[in-house]
Amino acid sequence: MIQSMTGFGKATLQLPSKKITVEVKSLNSKGLDLNVRMPSVYRELELGLRNEIALQLERGKIDFSIYVEMTGEQTSTKINVPIVKSYISQMKAVIADADETELMKMAVRMPDATKTERDEIDENDWAEIQKVIKEALQNIANFRLDEGKSLEQEFLLRIGNIRQYMTDALALDPERVQAIKDRLQTAIEELKVNVDENRFEQELIYYLEKLDITEEKVRLTTHLDYFIETIKGKEANGRKLGFITQEMGREINTMGSKANHAQMQKLVVMMKDELEKIKEQVLNVL
C-alpha cells in the first residue's frame, strides 16, 4: 500500500493551566526536511522528538509545531518592580507634577520593565504532551494513507490507458507493415530497375525486423505489471516507482522511433502523456 508524502495531522490537550496544540504538515521532498517549532522550555527535548518524527514520517518537507496557550492565572512573565519604581522616580524628577497613571504606562514600556522566569519542564505535563504528539503523528499517517489510496487509483487509471494505447498501436501493425512494403515497392518501380524477388524479400524481412516492436511491447507490459505489483506491495516507495517509470519511458520512446506510421506515433505520444502524469504523481509517493 503506497502512502502520499502530503498530509496534515493535529491533536490538542487541555491541561489545568494551559492548552497544548500539536500540528504536523507534510509536502513532498526528495529527502527529510524537518522544521520543528516549539516553546523554549521544551527545547532540550527537541533532538529526541526529531528522531521520533523522522522514524515515523521518513520523508517529506515536514513542519512540526507545538503551541502553548495559557488558560490559567499563572504566567512566567512578571513586572520587574524595582526597575519600574526606579523609572517612575526618575521621571518625577524631570516632571514633578506628572500624572501617576501616565508615568506607570511609560515605565512598563521601558527596557527591563518585565522579566520572564524560565519554567522548568513538568514531567507529568510532558508525558501527556507526548501522547498528543503520538496522536498527531498517527493522524498525519492516516491522512497519508488516504491520499495514497487516491494516488493508487490514479496510477491504475493511467496504467490502464497506456495498456489500451499499446494494444491499439499493435492492432495497426499489419497495416503499418503493408504500408512499408508498398512504399518500398513503389520506390523500386520508380527507379525502373530489375530486382531479384528473393533478394527483395530478404531485405524487406531484415528491414521489418528492425522496425518490429514486439520486444518493446513485452518489456513494457512487464514494467506495467511490476509497477502495479509494487504499489500494492508492502515495500512500495516513490524512489522505486520512479525507477520503473524510467524503464517504461525507454520502451515507449523506442516504440515511437520504430513506429514509422502516423497513427501509431500518435498513440505513442498519448502513451508518453499518460506516463508524464504518472511521473508527476510518483513525486508525491513516500
C-alpha atoms as a PDB file:
ATOM      1  CA  MET A   1       0.000   0.000   0.000  1.00  0.00           C
ATOM      2  CA  ILE A   2       1.507   3.321  -1.058  1.00  0.00           C
ATOM      3  CA  GLN A   3       1.460   6.458   1.065  1.00  0.00           C
ATOM      4  CA  SER A   4       1.485  10.075  -0.011  1.00  0.00           C
ATOM      5  CA  MET A   5       4.081  12.461   1.360  1.00  0.00           C
ATOM      6  CA  THR A   6       1.367  15.120   1.556  1.00  0.00           C
ATOM      7  CA  GLY A   7      -0.555  15.170   4.827  1.00  0.00           C
ATOM      8  CA  PHE A   8      -1.790  17.023   7.876  1.00  0.00           C
ATOM      9  CA  GLY A   9      -2.278  15.938  11.467  1.00  0.00           C
ATOM     10  CA  LYS A  10      -3.478  17.810  14.528  1.00  0.00           C
ATOM     11  CA  ALA A  11      -4.217  16.988  18.156  1.00  0.00           C
ATOM     12  CA  THR A  12      -4.991  19.089  21.246  1.00  0.00           C
ATOM     13  CA  LEU A  13      -4.689  18.666  25.003  1.00  0.00           C
ATOM     14  CA  GLN A  14      -6.188  20.718  27.825  1.00  0.00           C
ATOM     15  CA  LEU A  15      -4.033  20.805  30.948  1.00  0.00           C
ATOM     16  CA  PRO A  16      -5.098  22.589  34.161  1.00  0.00           C
ATOM     17  CA  SER A  17      -3.372  25.861  33.254  1.00  0.00           C
ATOM     18  CA  LYS A  18      -2.685  25.626  29.510  1.00  0.00           C
ATOM     19  CA  LYS A  19      -3.896  24.267  26.215  1.00  0.00           C
ATOM     20  CA  ILE A  20      -1.437  22.320  24.046  1.00  0.00           C
ATOM     21  CA  THR A  21      -1.914  22.070  20.287  1.00  0.00           C
ATOM     22  CA  VAL A  22       0.302  19.898  18.083  1.00  0.00           C
ATOM     23  CA  GLU A  23       0.215  20.324  14.289  1.00  0.00           C
ATOM     24  CA  VAL A  24       2.131  18.388  11.621  1.00  0.00           C
ATOM     25  CA  LYS A  25       2.153  19.357   7.933  1.00  0.00           C
ATOM     26  CA  SER A  26       3.957  17.476   5.195  1.00  0.00           C
ATOM     27  CA  LEU A  27       4.711  18.093   1.492  1.00  0.00           C
ATOM     28  CA  ASN A  28       6.759  16.116  -0.999  1.00  0.00           C
ATOM     29  CA  SER A  29      10.556  16.310  -0.891  1.00  0.00           C
ATOM     30  CA  LYS A  30      13.492  14.201  -2.081  1.00  0.00           C
ATOM     31  CA  GLY A  31      14.565  13.561   1.497  1.00  0.00           C
ATOM     32  CA  LEU A  32      13.578  14.506   5.042  1.00  0.00           C
ATOM     33  CA  ASP A  33      13.377  18.280   5.504  1.00  0.00           C
ATOM     34  CA  LEU A  34      12.169  18.728   9.084  1.00  0.00           C
ATOM     35  CA  ASN A  35      11.338  22.057  10.703  1.00  0.00           C
ATOM     36  CA  VAL A  36      10.374  21.982  14.410  1.00  0.00           C
ATOM     37  CA  ARG A  37       8.771  24.895  16.280  1.00  0.00           C
ATOM     38  CA  MET A  38       8.203  24.537  19.996  1.00  0.00           C
ATOM     39  CA  PRO A  39       8.321  26.654  23.195  1.00  0.00           C
ATOM     40  CA  SER A  40      11.828  27.225  24.534  1.00  0.00           C
ATOM     41  CA  VAL A  41      11.039  25.359  27.739  1.00  0.00           C
ATOM     42  CA  TYR A  42      10.915  22.098  25.760  1.00  0.00           C
ATOM     43  CA  ARG A  43      13.963  22.774  23.568  1.00  0.00           C
ATOM     44  CA  GLU A  44      16.194  20.336  25.418  1.00  0.00           C
ATOM     45  CA  LEU A  45      13.859  17.538  24.324  1.00  0.00           C
ATOM     46  CA  GLU A  46      13.920  18.522  20.637  1.00  0.00           C
ATOM     47  CA  LEU A  47      16.548  16.009  19.491  1.00  0.00           C
ATOM     48  CA  GLY A  48      14.592  13.017  20.757  1.00  0.00           C
ATOM     49  CA  LEU A  49      11.430  14.464  19.246  1.00  0.00           C
ATOM     50  CA  ARG A  50      13.135  14.909  15.872  1.00  0.00           C
ATOM     51  CA  ASN A  51      14.251  11.285  15.898  1.00  0.00           C
ATOM     52  CA  GLU A  52      10.715  10.123  16.656  1.00  0.00           C
ATOM     53  CA  ILE A  53       9.236  12.224  13.818  1.00  0.00           C
ATOM     54  CA  ALA A  54      11.907  11.047  11.342  1.00  0.00           C
ATOM     55  CA  LEU A  55      11.294   7.419  12.289  1.00  0.00           C
ATOM     56  CA  GLN A  56       7.552   7.655  11.718  1.00  0.00           C
ATOM     57  CA  LEU A  57       7.294  10.009   8.731  1.00  0.00           C
ATOM     58  CA  GLU A  58      10.536   9.015   6.951  1.00  0.00           C
ATOM     59  CA  ARG A  59      10.480  11.541   4.110  1.00  0.00           C
ATOM     60  CA  GLY A  60       8.952  14.870   3.083  1.00  0.00           C
ATOM     61  CA  LYS A  61       9.141  18.588   3.829  1.00  0.00           C
ATOM     62  CA  ILE A  62       7.672  18.493   7.346  1.00  0.00           C
ATOM     63  CA  ASP A  63       6.610  21.367   9.577  1.00  0.00           C
ATOM     64  CA  PHE A  64       6.062  20.257  13.175  1.00  0.00           C
ATOM     65  CA  SER A  65       4.693  22.755  15.708  1.00  0.00           C
ATOM     66  CA  ILE A  66       3.774  22.720  19.400  1.00  0.00           C
ATOM     67  CA  TYR A  67       1.641  25.673  20.505  1.00  0.00           C
ATOM     68  CA  VAL A  68       1.024  26.514  24.167  1.00  0.00           C
ATOM     69  CA  GLU A  69      -1.895  28.741  25.154  1.00  0.00           C
ATOM     70  CA  MET A  70      -2.018  29.742  28.822  1.00  0.00           C
ATOM     71  CA  THR A  71      -5.565  29.364  30.157  1.00  0.00           C
ATOM     72  CA  GLY A  72      -4.886  29.680  33.885  1.00  0.00           C
ATOM     73  CA  GLU A  73      -3.921  32.655  36.023  1.00  0.00           C
ATOM     74  CA  GLN A  74      -0.257  31.757  36.175  1.00  0.00           C
ATOM     75  CA  THR A  75       2.254  33.432  33.853  1.00  0.00           C
ATOM     76  CA  SER A  76       6.016  33.231  33.540  1.00  0.00           C
ATOM     77  CA  THR A  77       6.288  36.943  32.653  1.00  0.00           C
ATOM     78  CA  LYS A  78       6.348  39.254  35.693  1.00  0.00           C
ATOM     79  CA  ILE A  79       6.785  43.010  36.304  1.00  0.00           C
ATOM     80  CA  ASN A  80      10.269  43.918  37.470  1.00  0.00           C
ATOM     81  CA  VAL A  81       9.029  46.053  40.368  1.00  0.00           C
ATOM     82  CA  PRO A  82      12.320  47.718  41.467  1.00  0.00           C
ATOM     83  CA  ILE A  83      13.114  48.725  37.868  1.00  0.00           C
ATOM     84  CA  VAL A  84       9.621  50.159  37.252  1.00  0.00           C
ATOM     85  CA  LYS A  85       9.759  52.148  40.527  1.00  0.00           C
ATOM     86  CA  SER A  86      13.176  53.495  39.558  1.00  0.00           C
ATOM     87  CA  TYR A  87      11.851  54.657  36.155  1.00  0.00           C
ATOM     88  CA  ILE A  88       8.877  56.424  37.807  1.00  0.00           C
ATOM     89  CA  SER A  89      11.145  58.105  40.340  1.00  0.00           C
ATOM     90  CA  GLN A  90      13.469  59.361  37.594  1.00  0.00           C
ATOM     91  CA  MET A  91      10.573  60.701  35.514  1.00  0.00           C
ATOM     92  CA  LYS A  92       9.118  62.515  38.578  1.00  0.00           C
ATOM     93  CA  ALA A  93      12.467  64.218  38.994  1.00  0.00           C
ATOM     94  CA  VAL A  94      12.020  65.598  35.489  1.00  0.00           C
ATOM     95  CA  ILE A  95       8.304  66.484  35.794  1.00  0.00           C
ATOM     96  CA  ALA A  96       7.279  66.737  39.444  1.00  0.00           C
ATOM     97  CA  ASP A  97       3.538  67.091  38.908  1.00  0.00           C
ATOM     98  CA  ALA A  98       3.205  64.349  36.209  1.00  0.00           C
ATOM     99  CA  ASP A  99       0.149  62.082  36.309  1.00  0.00           C
ATOM    100  CA  GLU A 100       0.910  58.802  38.158  1.00  0.00           C
ATOM    101  CA  THR A 101      -1.074  56.675  35.664  1.00  0.00           C
ATOM    102  CA  GLU A 102       0.766  58.104  32.684  1.00  0.00           C
ATOM    103  CA  LEU A 103       4.098  57.578  34.389  1.00  0.00           C
ATOM    104  CA  MET A 104       3.184  53.924  35.005  1.00  0.00           C
ATOM    105  CA  LYS A 105       2.230  53.436  31.340  1.00  0.00           C
ATOM    106  CA  MET A 106       5.552  54.858  30.276  1.00  0.00           C
ATOM    107  CA  ALA A 107       7.592  52.928  32.822  1.00  0.00           C
ATOM    108  CA  VAL A 108       6.300  49.458  31.867  1.00  0.00           C
ATOM    109  CA  ARG A 109       7.319  50.116  28.265  1.00  0.00           C
ATOM    110  CA  MET A 110      10.923  50.814  29.226  1.00  0.00           C
ATOM    111  CA  PRO A 111      13.721  48.209  28.869  1.00  0.00           C
ATOM    112  CA  ASP A 112      13.822  45.501  31.553  1.00  0.00           C
ATOM    113  CA  ALA A 113      10.439  46.571  32.966  1.00  0.00           C
ATOM    114  CA  THR A 114       9.286  42.957  32.711  1.00  0.00           C
ATOM    115  CA  LYS A 115      11.171  39.721  33.214  1.00  0.00           C
ATOM    116  CA  THR A 116      10.432  36.188  32.140  1.00  0.00           C
ATOM    117  CA  GLU A 117      11.256  33.426  34.556  1.00  0.00           C
ATOM    118  CA  ARG A 118      12.387  30.229  32.898  1.00  0.00           C
ATOM    119  CA  ASP A 119       9.894  27.444  33.503  1.00  0.00           C
ATOM    120  CA  GLU A 120      11.122  24.003  34.398  1.00  0.00           C
ATOM    121  CA  ILE A 121       9.764  21.038  32.460  1.00  0.00           C
ATOM    122  CA  ASP A 122       6.921  19.363  34.301  1.00  0.00           C
ATOM    123  CA  GLU A 123       7.488  15.637  33.746  1.00  0.00           C
ATOM    124  CA  ASN A 124       3.797  14.852  34.168  1.00  0.00           C
ATOM    125  CA  ASP A 125       2.827  17.541  31.653  1.00  0.00           C
ATOM    126  CA  TRP A 126       5.421  16.302  29.158  1.00  0.00           C
ATOM    127  CA  ALA A 127       4.176  12.724  29.470  1.00  0.00           C
ATOM    128  CA  GLU A 128       0.689  13.968  28.495  1.00  0.00           C
ATOM    129  CA  ILE A 129       2.107  16.100  25.692  1.00  0.00           C
ATOM    130  CA  GLN A 130       3.901  13.061  24.262  1.00  0.00           C
ATOM    131  CA  LYS A 131       0.543  11.299  23.961  1.00  0.00           C
ATOM    132  CA  VAL A 132      -0.791  14.227  21.935  1.00  0.00           C
ATOM    133  CA  ILE A 133       2.314  14.179  19.739  1.00  0.00           C
ATOM    134  CA  LYS A 134       1.755  10.489  19.011  1.00  0.00           C
ATOM    135  CA  GLU A 135      -1.886  11.216  18.218  1.00  0.00           C
ATOM    136  CA  ALA A 136      -0.955  13.998  15.767  1.00  0.00           C
ATOM    137  CA  LEU A 137       1.648  11.765  14.084  1.00  0.00           C
ATOM    138  CA  GLN A 138      -0.926   8.984  13.788  1.00  0.00           C
ATOM    139  CA  ASN A 139      -3.414  11.429  12.280  1.00  0.00           C
ATOM    140  CA  ILE A 140      -0.962  12.531   9.595  1.00  0.00           C
ATOM    141  CA  ALA A 141      -0.075   8.886   8.910  1.00  0.00           C
ATOM    142  CA  ASN A 142      -3.778   8.129   8.367  1.00  0.00           C
ATOM    143  CA  PHE A 143      -4.055  11.177   6.101  1.00  0.00           C
ATOM    144  CA  ARG A 144      -1.093   9.938   4.065  1.00  0.00           C
ATOM    145  CA  LEU A 145      -2.668   6.512   3.693  1.00  0.00           C
ATOM    146  CA  ASP A 146      -5.937   8.021   2.457  1.00  0.00           C
ATOM    147  CA  GLU A 147      -4.038  10.165  -0.031  1.00  0.00           C
ATOM    148  CA  GLY A 148      -2.112   7.051  -1.057  1.00  0.00           C
ATOM    149  CA  LYS A 149      -5.363   5.285  -1.946  1.00  0.00           C
ATOM    150  CA  SER A 150      -6.290   8.180  -4.226  1.00  0.00           C
ATOM    151  CA  LEU A 151      -2.850   8.045  -5.845  1.00  0.00           C
ATOM    152  CA  GLU A 152      -3.209   4.300  -6.383  1.00  0.00           C
ATOM    153  CA  GLN A 153      -6.497   4.788  -8.237  1.00  0.00           C
ATOM    154  CA  GLU A 154      -4.852   7.480 -10.368  1.00  0.00           C
ATOM    155  CA  PHE A 155      -1.935   5.172 -11.199  1.00  0.00           C
ATOM    156  CA  LEU A 156      -4.233   2.269 -12.115  1.00  0.00           C
ATOM    157  CA  LEU A 157      -6.190   4.551 -14.453  1.00  0.00           C
ATOM    158  CA  ARG A 158      -3.035   5.819 -16.202  1.00  0.00           C
ATOM    159  CA  ILE A 159      -1.504   2.338 -16.460  1.00  0.00           C
ATOM    160  CA  GLY A 160      -4.757   1.054 -17.965  1.00  0.00           C
ATOM    161  CA  ASN A 161      -4.698   3.870 -20.523  1.00  0.00           C
ATOM    162  CA  ILE A 162      -1.117   3.038 -21.544  1.00  0.00           C
ATOM    163  CA  ARG A 163      -2.071  -0.622 -21.991  1.00  0.00           C
ATOM    164  CA  GLN A 164      -5.016   0.330 -24.174  1.00  0.00           C
ATOM    165  CA  TYR A 165      -2.962   2.691 -26.337  1.00  0.00           C
ATOM    166  CA  MET A 166      -0.317  -0.025 -26.738  1.00  0.00           C
ATOM    167  CA  THR A 167      -2.985  -2.545 -27.773  1.00  0.00           C
ATOM    168  CA  ASP A 168      -4.390  -0.051 -30.275  1.00  0.00           C
ATOM    169  CA  ALA A 169      -0.895   0.565 -31.663  1.00  0.00           C
ATOM    170  CA  LEU A 170      -0.219  -3.156 -32.098  1.00  0.00           C
ATOM    171  CA  ALA A 171      -3.541  -3.534 -33.905  1.00  0.00           C
ATOM    172  CA  LEU A 172      -2.153  -1.165 -36.538  1.00  0.00           C
ATOM    173  CA  ASP A 173       0.928  -3.317 -37.119  1.00  0.00           C
ATOM    174  CA  PRO A 174      -0.401  -5.287 -40.159  1.00  0.00           C
ATOM    175  CA  GLU A 175      -1.436  -2.025 -41.802  1.00  0.00           C
ATOM    176  CA  ARG A 176       1.965  -0.495 -40.994  1.00  0.00           C
ATOM    177  CA  VAL A 177       3.884  -3.482 -42.422  1.00  0.00           C
ATOM    178  CA  GLN A 178       1.837  -3.427 -45.616  1.00  0.00           C
ATOM    179  CA  ALA A 179       2.370   0.322 -45.964  1.00  0.00           C
ATOM    180  CA  ILE A 180       6.142  -0.163 -45.669  1.00  0.00           C
ATOM    181  CA  LYS A 181       6.094  -2.944 -48.292  1.00  0.00           C
ATOM    182  CA  ASP A 182       4.048  -0.813 -50.673  1.00  0.00           C
ATOM    183  CA  ARG A 183       6.303   2.194 -50.169  1.00  0.00           C
ATOM    184  CA  LEU A 184       9.451   0.209 -50.911  1.00  0.00           C
ATOM    185  CA  GLN A 185       7.867  -1.500 -53.909  1.00  0.00           C
ATOM    186  CA  THR A 186       6.765   1.850 -55.328  1.00  0.00           C
ATOM    187  CA  ALA A 187      10.251   3.272 -54.862  1.00  0.00           C
ATOM    188  CA  ILE A 188      11.787   0.356 -56.765  1.00  0.00           C
ATOM    189  CA  GLU A 189       9.277   0.676 -59.587  1.00  0.00           C
ATOM    190  CA  GLU A 190      10.041   4.385 -59.891  1.00  0.00           C
ATOM    191  CA  LEU A 191      13.723   3.563 -60.261  1.00  0.00           C
ATOM    192  CA  LYS A 192      12.792   1.265 -63.202  1.00  0.00           C
ATOM    193  CA  VAL A 193      15.300  -1.404 -62.281  1.00  0.00           C
ATOM    194  CA  ASN A 194      15.015  -5.164 -62.205  1.00  0.00           C
ATOM    195  CA  VAL A 195      15.161  -6.586 -58.704  1.00  0.00           C
ATOM    196  CA  ASP A 196      15.682 -10.171 -57.613  1.00  0.00           C
ATOM    197  CA  GLU A 197      12.438 -11.032 -55.839  1.00  0.00           C
ATOM    198  CA  ASN A 198      14.121 -13.374 -53.351  1.00  0.00           C
ATOM    199  CA  ARG A 199      16.735 -10.770 -52.502  1.00  0.00           C
ATOM    200  CA  PHE A 200      13.995  -8.150 -52.178  1.00  0.00           C
ATOM    201  CA  GLU A 201      12.043 -10.360 -49.742  1.00  0.00           C
ATOM    202  CA  GLN A 202      15.172 -10.985 -47.654  1.00  0.00           C
ATOM    203  CA  GLU A 203      15.974  -7.271 -47.461  1.00  0.00           C
ATOM    204  CA  LEU A 204      12.356  -6.495 -46.632  1.00  0.00           C
ATOM    205  CA  ILE A 205      12.297  -9.031 -43.800  1.00  0.00           C
ATOM    206  CA  TYR A 206      15.548  -7.569 -42.421  1.00  0.00           C
ATOM    207  CA  TYR A 207      14.124  -4.046 -42.629  1.00  0.00           C
ATOM    208  CA  LEU A 208      10.857  -5.032 -40.936  1.00  0.00           C
ATOM    209  CA  GLU A 209      12.734  -6.808 -38.178  1.00  0.00           C
ATOM    210  CA  LYS A 210      14.496  -3.526 -37.434  1.00  0.00           C
ATOM    211  CA  LEU A 211      11.100  -1.871 -37.045  1.00  0.00           C
ATOM    212  CA  ASP A 212       9.453  -4.689 -35.096  1.00  0.00           C
ATOM    213  CA  ILE A 213       8.109  -3.541 -31.682  1.00  0.00           C
ATOM    214  CA  THR A 214       7.231  -6.957 -30.221  1.00  0.00           C
ATOM    215  CA  GLU A 215      10.143  -6.924 -27.759  1.00  0.00           C
ATOM    216  CA  GLU A 216       9.273  -3.397 -26.623  1.00  0.00           C
ATOM    217  CA  LYS A 217       5.659  -4.465 -26.112  1.00  0.00           C
ATOM    218  CA  VAL A 218       6.745  -7.449 -23.982  1.00  0.00           C
ATOM    219  CA  ARG A 219       9.155  -5.377 -21.864  1.00  0.00           C
ATOM    220  CA  LEU A 220       6.687  -2.507 -21.429  1.00  0.00           C
ATOM    221  CA  THR A 221       3.990  -4.957 -20.337  1.00  0.00           C
ATOM    222  CA  THR A 222       6.434  -6.383 -17.787  1.00  0.00           C
ATOM    223  CA  HIS A 223       7.195  -2.890 -16.435  1.00  0.00           C
ATOM    224  CA  LEU A 224       3.482  -2.024 -16.213  1.00  0.00           C
ATOM    225  CA  ASP A 225       2.804  -5.237 -14.289  1.00  0.00           C
ATOM    226  CA  TYR A 226       5.767  -4.594 -11.981  1.00  0.00           C
ATOM    227  CA  PHE A 227       4.563  -1.050 -11.288  1.00  0.00           C
ATOM    228  CA  ILE A 228       1.144  -2.348 -10.178  1.00  0.00           C
ATOM    229  CA  GLU A 229       2.759  -5.133  -8.148  1.00  0.00           C
ATOM    230  CA  THR A 230       4.927  -2.539  -6.400  1.00  0.00           C
ATOM    231  CA  ILE A 231       2.131  -0.099  -5.475  1.00  0.00           C
ATOM    232  CA  LYS A 232       0.156  -2.978  -3.974  1.00  0.00           C
ATOM    233  CA  GLY A 233       3.135  -4.426  -2.092  1.00  0.00           C
ATOM    234  CA  LYS A 234       4.327  -3.712   1.437  1.00  0.00           C
ATOM    235  CA  GLU A 235       7.592  -2.112   0.338  1.00  0.00           C
ATOM    236  CA  ALA A 236       6.137   0.439  -2.077  1.00  0.00           C
ATOM    237  CA  ASN A 237       8.133   3.663  -2.232  1.00  0.00           C
ATOM    238  CA  GLY A 238       8.391   6.629  -4.557  1.00  0.00           C
ATOM    239  CA  ARG A 239      12.038   6.089  -5.497  1.00  0.00           C
ATOM    240  CA  LYS A 240      11.414   2.541  -6.694  1.00  0.00           C
ATOM    241  CA  LEU A 241       8.349   3.614  -8.674  1.00  0.00           C
ATOM    242  CA  GLY A 242      10.431   6.391 -10.215  1.00  0.00           C
ATOM    243  CA  PHE A 243      12.981   3.863 -11.486  1.00  0.00           C
ATOM    244  CA  ILE A 244      10.208   1.732 -13.012  1.00  0.00           C
ATOM    245  CA  THR A 245       8.735   4.735 -14.835  1.00  0.00           C
ATOM    246  CA  GLN A 246      12.172   5.433 -16.335  1.00  0.00           C
ATOM    247  CA  GLU A 247      12.222   1.917 -17.799  1.00  0.00           C
ATOM    248  CA  MET A 248       8.680   2.368 -19.088  1.00  0.00           C
ATOM    249  CA  GLY A 249       9.740   5.590 -20.778  1.00  0.00           C
ATOM    250  CA  ARG A 250      12.628   3.867 -22.590  1.00  0.00           C
ATOM    251  CA  GLU A 251      10.335   1.250 -24.132  1.00  0.00           C
ATOM    252  CA  ILE A 252       7.722   3.822 -25.163  1.00  0.00           C
ATOM    253  CA  ASN A 253      10.414   6.028 -26.752  1.00  0.00           C
ATOM    254  CA  THR A 254      11.792   3.065 -28.692  1.00  0.00           C
ATOM    255  CA  MET A 255       8.309   2.237 -29.927  1.00  0.00           C
ATOM    256  CA  GLY A 256       7.987   5.788 -31.157  1.00  0.00           C
ATOM    257  CA  SER A 257      11.315   5.712 -33.009  1.00  0.00           C
ATOM    258  CA  LYS A 258      10.385   2.418 -34.703  1.00  0.00           C
ATOM    259  CA  ALA A 259       6.739   3.234 -35.438  1.00  0.00           C
ATOM    260  CA  ASN A 260       7.223   4.776 -38.885  1.00  0.00           C
ATOM    261  CA  HIS A 261       3.418   5.149 -39.041  1.00  0.00           C
ATOM    262  CA  ALA A 262       1.497   8.367 -38.330  1.00  0.00           C
ATOM    263  CA  GLN A 263      -1.410   6.857 -36.380  1.00  0.00           C
ATOM    264  CA  MET A 264       0.883   4.608 -34.349  1.00  0.00           C
ATOM    265  CA  GLN A 265       3.122   7.557 -33.492  1.00  0.00           C
ATOM    266  CA  LYS A 266       0.069   9.465 -32.337  1.00  0.00           C
ATOM    267  CA  LEU A 267      -0.764   6.624 -29.941  1.00  0.00           C
ATOM    268  CA  VAL A 268       2.838   6.644 -28.698  1.00  0.00           C
ATOM    269  CA  VAL A 269       2.513  10.368 -27.918  1.00  0.00           C
ATOM    270  CA  MET A 270      -0.640   9.607 -25.922  1.00  0.00           C
ATOM    271  CA  MET A 271       1.262   6.910 -24.018  1.00  0.00           C
ATOM    272  CA  LYS A 272       4.003   9.425 -23.230  1.00  0.00           C
ATOM    273  CA  ASP A 273       1.409  11.889 -21.960  1.00  0.00           C
ATOM    274  CA  GLU A 274      -0.032   9.285 -19.580  1.00  0.00           C
ATOM    275  CA  LEU A 275       3.464   8.375 -18.387  1.00  0.00           C
ATOM    276  CA  GLU A 276       4.265  12.028 -17.611  1.00  0.00           C
ATOM    277  CA  LYS A 277       1.138  12.219 -15.453  1.00  0.00           C
ATOM    278  CA  ILE A 278       2.309   9.107 -13.604  1.00  0.00           C
ATOM    279  CA  LYS A 279       5.770  10.631 -13.069  1.00  0.00           C
ATOM    280  CA  GLU A 280       4.263  13.814 -11.620  1.00  0.00           C
ATOM    281  CA  GLN A 281       2.257  11.833  -9.071  1.00  0.00           C
ATOM    282  CA  VAL A 282       5.140   9.492  -8.224  1.00  0.00           C
ATOM    283  CA  LEU A 283       6.920  12.545  -6.780  1.00  0.00           C
ATOM    284  CA  ASN A 284       4.204  12.611  -4.074  1.00  0.00           C
ATOM    285  CA  VAL A 285       4.709   8.963  -3.070  1.00  0.00           C
ATOM    286  CA  LEU A 286       6.543   8.316   0.182  1.00  0.00           C
END
